[in-house]
């Protein structure tokens, strides 16, 4: 977990990383990716909620001391969905598509 967190911190693009993970986690192939009672999915949504709350406090109150805790949401994706199989990961585009749509109108 420490290694994954240090890689995520090195990236620095927390928002872009979370968007990419969110867009891809339902498409990850592998045995047991989504369990029958959706425990992994519910856990990931709890981590996404945690991330959103952390980033809201950081941005609204400028409390940057909470920023290091936001990497644990991305690490949770890794802990839940790692696989030895090769998977095709799509570049996150939902926020980009939304931005383009807003600019066109």
N, C-alpha and C. Protein backbone atom coordinates (compact mmCIF):
# COMPACT_ATOMS: atom_id res chain seq x y z
N UNK A 1 0.82 -1.19 0.00
CA UNK A 1 0.00 0.00 0.00
C UNK A 1 0.86 1.25 0.00
N UNK A 2 1.98 1.19 0.72
CA UNK A 2 2.87 2.35 0.78
C UNK A 2 3.45 2.68 -0.59
N UNK A 3 3.80 1.63 -1.35
CA UNK A 3 4.37 1.85 -2.69
C UNK A 3 3.34 2.48 -3.63
N UNK A 4 2.11 1.97 -3.60
CA UNK A 4 1.05 2.50 -4.44
C UNK A 4 0.77 3.95 -4.09
N UNK A 5 0.71 4.26 -2.80
CA UNK A 5 0.44 5.64 -2.37
C UNK A 5 1.55 6.58 -2.80
N UNK A 6 2.79 6.12 -2.75
CA UNK A 6 3.89 6.99 -3.18
C UNK A 6 3.85 7.23 -4.69
N UNK A 7 3.42 6.22 -5.46
CA UNK A 7 3.27 6.41 -6.91
C UNK A 7 2.16 7.40 -7.22
N UNK A 8 1.07 7.31 -6.49
CA UNK A 8 -0.05 8.22 -6.70
C UNK A 8 0.34 9.64 -6.32
N UNK A 9 1.05 9.80 -5.20
CA UNK A 9 1.51 11.12 -4.79
C UNK A 9 2.47 11.71 -5.81
N UNK A 10 3.29 10.86 -6.42
CA UNK A 10 4.22 11.32 -7.44
C UNK A 10 3.54 11.81 -8.69
N UNK A 11 2.38 11.24 -8.97
CA UNK A 11 1.60 11.66 -10.14
C UNK A 11 1.12 13.09 -9.97
N UNK A 12 0.53 13.38 -8.82
CA UNK A 12 0.06 14.72 -8.54
C UNK A 12 -1.26 15.11 -9.19
N UNK A 13 -1.70 14.38 -10.17
CA UNK A 13 -2.96 14.68 -10.88
C UNK A 13 -4.08 13.86 -10.26
N UNK A 14 -4.44 14.17 -9.02
CA UNK A 14 -5.42 13.36 -8.29
C UNK A 14 -6.78 13.33 -8.97
N UNK A 15 -7.24 14.47 -9.40
CA UNK A 15 -8.57 14.57 -10.02
C UNK A 15 -8.63 13.77 -11.32
N UNK A 16 -7.61 13.91 -12.15
CA UNK A 16 -7.58 13.18 -13.42
C UNK A 16 -7.47 11.68 -13.18
N UNK A 17 -6.70 11.29 -12.18
CA UNK A 17 -6.56 9.88 -11.86
C UNK A 17 -7.87 9.28 -11.36
N UNK A 18 -8.55 9.98 -10.47
CA UNK A 18 -9.84 9.50 -9.95
C UNK A 18 -10.86 9.40 -11.08
N UNK A 19 -10.89 10.39 -11.98
CA UNK A 19 -11.82 10.33 -13.11
C UNK A 19 -11.56 9.11 -13.98
N UNK A 20 -10.29 8.84 -14.24
CA UNK A 20 -9.94 7.67 -15.04
C UNK A 20 -10.30 6.37 -14.36
N UNK A 21 -10.06 6.28 -13.08
CA UNK A 21 -10.42 5.07 -12.34
C UNK A 21 -11.93 4.88 -12.32
N UNK A 22 -12.65 5.97 -12.10
CA UNK A 22 -14.11 5.88 -12.07
C UNK A 22 -14.67 5.43 -13.41
N UNK A 23 -14.13 5.95 -14.50
CA UNK A 23 -14.64 5.58 -15.82
C UNK A 23 -14.30 4.15 -16.20
N UNK A 24 -13.24 3.60 -15.63
CA UNK A 24 -12.78 2.29 -16.06
C UNK A 24 -13.11 1.14 -15.12
N UNK A 25 -13.48 1.39 -13.89
CA UNK A 25 -13.54 0.28 -12.94
C UNK A 25 -14.64 -0.73 -13.24
N UNK A 26 -15.69 -0.34 -13.90
CA UNK A 26 -16.73 -1.32 -14.25
C UNK A 26 -16.36 -2.16 -15.46
N UNK A 27 -15.35 -1.72 -16.21
CA UNK A 27 -14.96 -2.43 -17.43
C UNK A 27 -13.74 -3.31 -17.23
N UNK A 28 -13.19 -3.33 -16.02
CA UNK A 28 -12.00 -4.14 -15.76
C UNK A 28 -12.38 -5.60 -15.83
N UNK A 29 -11.65 -6.34 -16.65
CA UNK A 29 -11.94 -7.76 -16.79
C UNK A 29 -11.09 -8.54 -15.80
N UNK A 30 -11.59 -9.64 -15.39
CA UNK A 30 -10.85 -10.48 -14.46
C UNK A 30 -11.83 -11.23 -13.59
N UNK A 31 -11.37 -12.28 -13.04
CA UNK A 31 -12.26 -13.09 -12.20
C UNK A 31 -12.57 -12.36 -10.91
N UNK A 32 -13.80 -12.26 -10.60
CA UNK A 32 -14.21 -11.66 -9.34
C UNK A 32 -14.11 -10.15 -9.30
N UNK A 33 -14.10 -9.50 -10.46
CA UNK A 33 -14.02 -8.04 -10.47
C UNK A 33 -15.20 -7.45 -9.74
N UNK A 34 -16.37 -7.87 -10.09
CA UNK A 34 -17.57 -7.43 -9.38
C UNK A 34 -18.17 -8.66 -8.70
N UNK A 35 -18.19 -8.65 -7.40
CA UNK A 35 -18.76 -9.79 -6.71
C UNK A 35 -20.28 -9.73 -6.75
N UNK A 36 -20.90 -10.85 -6.46
CA UNK A 36 -22.35 -10.96 -6.63
C UNK A 36 -23.14 -10.03 -5.71
N UNK A 37 -22.63 -9.73 -4.53
CA UNK A 37 -23.37 -8.85 -3.63
C UNK A 37 -22.86 -7.41 -3.66
N UNK A 38 -22.03 -7.08 -4.63
CA UNK A 38 -21.57 -5.73 -4.91
C UNK A 38 -20.80 -5.08 -3.74
N UNK A 39 -20.13 -5.88 -2.93
CA UNK A 39 -19.34 -5.33 -1.84
C UNK A 39 -18.21 -4.44 -2.33
N UNK A 40 -17.53 -4.89 -3.40
CA UNK A 40 -16.43 -4.08 -3.94
C UNK A 40 -16.95 -2.76 -4.50
N UNK A 41 -18.05 -2.81 -5.21
CA UNK A 41 -18.61 -1.61 -5.80
C UNK A 41 -19.05 -0.62 -4.72
N UNK A 42 -19.69 -1.12 -3.69
CA UNK A 42 -20.12 -0.25 -2.59
C UNK A 42 -18.92 0.35 -1.86
N UNK A 43 -17.90 -0.45 -1.68
CA UNK A 43 -16.70 0.05 -1.03
C UNK A 43 -16.03 1.15 -1.86
N UNK A 44 -15.96 0.93 -3.16
CA UNK A 44 -15.35 1.94 -4.04
C UNK A 44 -16.16 3.22 -4.02
N UNK A 45 -17.47 3.12 -4.00
CA UNK A 45 -18.29 4.32 -3.94
C UNK A 45 -18.11 5.05 -2.62
N UNK A 46 -17.89 4.31 -1.55
CA UNK A 46 -17.59 4.95 -0.27
C UNK A 46 -16.26 5.69 -0.33
N UNK A 47 -15.27 5.08 -0.99
CA UNK A 47 -13.97 5.75 -1.14
C UNK A 47 -14.09 6.98 -2.04
N UNK A 48 -14.92 6.90 -3.08
CA UNK A 48 -15.12 8.07 -3.93
C UNK A 48 -15.79 9.20 -3.17
N UNK A 49 -16.73 8.85 -2.31
CA UNK A 49 -17.38 9.85 -1.46
C UNK A 49 -16.36 10.48 -0.51
N UNK A 50 -15.50 9.65 0.06
CA UNK A 50 -14.44 10.15 0.93
C UNK A 50 -13.54 11.13 0.17
N UNK A 51 -13.16 10.76 -1.05
CA UNK A 51 -12.32 11.62 -1.87
C UNK A 51 -13.00 12.96 -2.14
N UNK A 52 -14.27 12.90 -2.53
CA UNK A 52 -15.01 14.13 -2.82
C UNK A 52 -15.12 15.03 -1.59
N UNK A 53 -15.35 14.44 -0.43
CA UNK A 53 -15.42 15.23 0.79
C UNK A 53 -14.08 15.86 1.13
N UNK A 54 -12.99 15.10 0.97
CA UNK A 54 -11.65 15.64 1.23
C UNK A 54 -11.34 16.81 0.29
N UNK A 55 -11.61 16.62 -0.98
CA UNK A 55 -11.30 17.67 -1.95
C UNK A 55 -12.20 18.89 -1.76
N UNK A 56 -13.43 18.68 -1.34
CA UNK A 56 -14.32 19.79 -1.06
C UNK A 56 -13.78 20.64 0.09
N UNK A 57 -13.34 19.98 1.15
CA UNK A 57 -12.77 20.72 2.29
C UNK A 57 -11.48 21.42 1.88
N UNK A 58 -10.65 20.74 1.11
CA UNK A 58 -9.39 21.34 0.66
C UNK A 58 -9.66 22.59 -0.17
N UNK A 59 -10.62 22.51 -1.08
CA UNK A 59 -10.88 23.64 -1.97
C UNK A 59 -11.69 24.74 -1.30
N UNK A 60 -12.65 24.37 -0.48
CA UNK A 60 -13.52 25.37 0.14
C UNK A 60 -12.82 26.09 1.30
N UNK A 61 -12.14 25.33 2.14
CA UNK A 61 -11.52 25.92 3.32
C UNK A 61 -10.02 26.11 3.17
N UNK A 62 -9.47 25.71 2.04
CA UNK A 62 -8.04 25.78 1.76
C UNK A 62 -7.23 25.09 2.85
N UNK A 63 -7.72 23.95 3.27
CA UNK A 63 -7.07 23.14 4.29
C UNK A 63 -6.23 22.09 3.59
N UNK A 64 -5.04 22.47 3.14
CA UNK A 64 -4.20 21.60 2.34
C UNK A 64 -3.54 20.48 3.14
N UNK A 65 -3.68 20.51 4.45
CA UNK A 65 -3.11 19.43 5.25
C UNK A 65 -3.88 18.13 5.05
N UNK A 66 -5.10 18.19 4.50
CA UNK A 66 -5.88 16.99 4.22
C UNK A 66 -5.58 16.37 2.86
N UNK A 67 -4.85 17.08 2.03
CA UNK A 67 -4.58 16.61 0.67
C UNK A 67 -3.89 15.25 0.62
N UNK A 68 -2.93 14.95 1.49
CA UNK A 68 -2.30 13.62 1.41
C UNK A 68 -3.25 12.45 1.64
N UNK A 69 -4.37 12.67 2.32
CA UNK A 69 -5.32 11.59 2.56
C UNK A 69 -6.11 11.22 1.31
N UNK A 70 -6.14 12.08 0.33
CA UNK A 70 -6.93 11.80 -0.87
C UNK A 70 -6.33 10.69 -1.72
N UNK A 71 -5.04 10.38 -1.54
CA UNK A 71 -4.43 9.30 -2.33
C UNK A 71 -4.98 7.93 -1.96
N UNK A 72 -5.54 7.80 -0.77
CA UNK A 72 -6.03 6.49 -0.34
C UNK A 72 -7.25 6.04 -1.14
N UNK A 73 -7.99 6.95 -1.70
CA UNK A 73 -9.13 6.56 -2.54
C UNK A 73 -8.63 5.86 -3.80
N UNK A 74 -7.58 6.39 -4.41
CA UNK A 74 -7.01 5.75 -5.60
C UNK A 74 -6.37 4.42 -5.23
N UNK A 75 -5.74 4.36 -4.07
CA UNK A 75 -5.12 3.11 -3.63
C UNK A 75 -6.19 2.04 -3.38
N UNK A 76 -7.37 2.45 -2.95
CA UNK A 76 -8.46 1.49 -2.73
C UNK A 76 -8.86 0.83 -4.04
N UNK A 77 -8.86 1.58 -5.14
CA UNK A 77 -9.15 0.98 -6.45
C UNK A 77 -8.14 -0.13 -6.74
N UNK A 78 -6.88 0.16 -6.48
CA UNK A 78 -5.83 -0.82 -6.73
C UNK A 78 -6.04 -2.07 -5.88
N UNK A 79 -6.36 -1.87 -4.61
CA UNK A 79 -6.53 -3.00 -3.71
C UNK A 79 -7.74 -3.86 -4.09
N UNK A 80 -8.77 -3.26 -4.66
CA UNK A 80 -9.98 -4.00 -5.00
C UNK A 80 -9.93 -4.64 -6.38
N UNK A 81 -9.23 -4.02 -7.33
CA UNK A 81 -9.37 -4.46 -8.72
C UNK A 81 -8.07 -4.86 -9.39
N UNK A 82 -7.03 -5.15 -8.64
CA UNK A 82 -5.80 -5.62 -9.29
C UNK A 82 -6.04 -6.99 -9.89
N UNK A 83 -5.39 -7.23 -11.00
CA UNK A 83 -5.55 -8.49 -11.70
C UNK A 83 -4.26 -8.80 -12.44
N UNK A 84 -3.99 -10.08 -12.62
CA UNK A 84 -2.81 -10.47 -13.39
C UNK A 84 -3.11 -10.50 -14.87
N UNK A 85 -4.36 -10.36 -15.24
CA UNK A 85 -4.73 -10.34 -16.65
C UNK A 85 -4.49 -8.96 -17.25
N UNK A 86 -4.17 -8.94 -18.51
CA UNK A 86 -4.02 -7.67 -19.21
C UNK A 86 -5.40 -7.05 -19.42
N UNK A 87 -5.52 -5.79 -19.09
CA UNK A 87 -6.78 -5.09 -19.29
C UNK A 87 -6.53 -3.84 -20.10
N UNK A 88 -7.50 -3.51 -20.90
CA UNK A 88 -7.42 -2.30 -21.71
C UNK A 88 -8.04 -1.16 -20.91
N UNK A 89 -7.25 -0.17 -20.62
CA UNK A 89 -7.72 0.99 -19.86
C UNK A 89 -7.93 2.14 -20.83
N UNK A 90 -9.11 2.70 -20.79
CA UNK A 90 -9.42 3.84 -21.67
C UNK A 90 -9.02 5.13 -20.98
N UNK A 91 -8.55 6.07 -21.78
CA UNK A 91 -8.20 7.39 -21.26
C UNK A 91 -9.49 8.08 -20.81
N UNK A 92 -9.49 8.69 -19.64
CA UNK A 92 -10.73 9.34 -19.16
C UNK A 92 -11.15 10.47 -20.08
N UNK A 93 -12.41 10.44 -20.49
CA UNK A 93 -12.86 11.45 -21.44
C UNK A 93 -14.19 12.08 -21.06
N UNK A 94 -14.86 11.62 -20.01
CA UNK A 94 -16.18 12.15 -19.67
C UNK A 94 -16.12 13.63 -19.32
N UNK A 95 -15.16 14.03 -18.51
CA UNK A 95 -15.07 15.45 -18.15
C UNK A 95 -14.68 16.29 -19.36
N UNK A 96 -13.82 15.74 -20.22
CA UNK A 96 -13.43 16.45 -21.44
C UNK A 96 -14.63 16.61 -22.36
N UNK A 97 -15.41 15.54 -22.53
CA UNK A 97 -16.61 15.62 -23.38
C UNK A 97 -17.61 16.63 -22.84
N UNK A 98 -17.77 16.67 -21.53
CA UNK A 98 -18.68 17.62 -20.92
C UNK A 98 -18.20 19.06 -21.13
N UNK A 99 -16.91 19.28 -20.99
CA UNK A 99 -16.33 20.60 -21.21
C UNK A 99 -16.55 21.06 -22.65
N UNK A 100 -16.34 20.14 -23.60
CA UNK A 100 -16.55 20.47 -25.01
C UNK A 100 -18.02 20.78 -25.30
N UNK A 101 -18.92 20.05 -24.69
CA UNK A 101 -20.34 20.28 -24.88
C UNK A 101 -20.75 21.64 -24.32
N UNK A 102 -20.22 22.00 -23.18
CA UNK A 102 -20.53 23.30 -22.57
C UNK A 102 -19.99 24.44 -23.44
N UNK A 103 -18.80 24.27 -24.01
CA UNK A 103 -18.21 25.31 -24.85
C UNK A 103 -18.98 25.49 -26.15
N UNK A 104 -19.59 24.42 -26.65
CA UNK A 104 -20.35 24.51 -27.90
C UNK A 104 -21.66 25.27 -27.70
N UNK A 105 -22.21 25.20 -26.52
CA UNK A 105 -23.50 25.87 -26.27
C UNK A 105 -23.31 27.25 -25.85
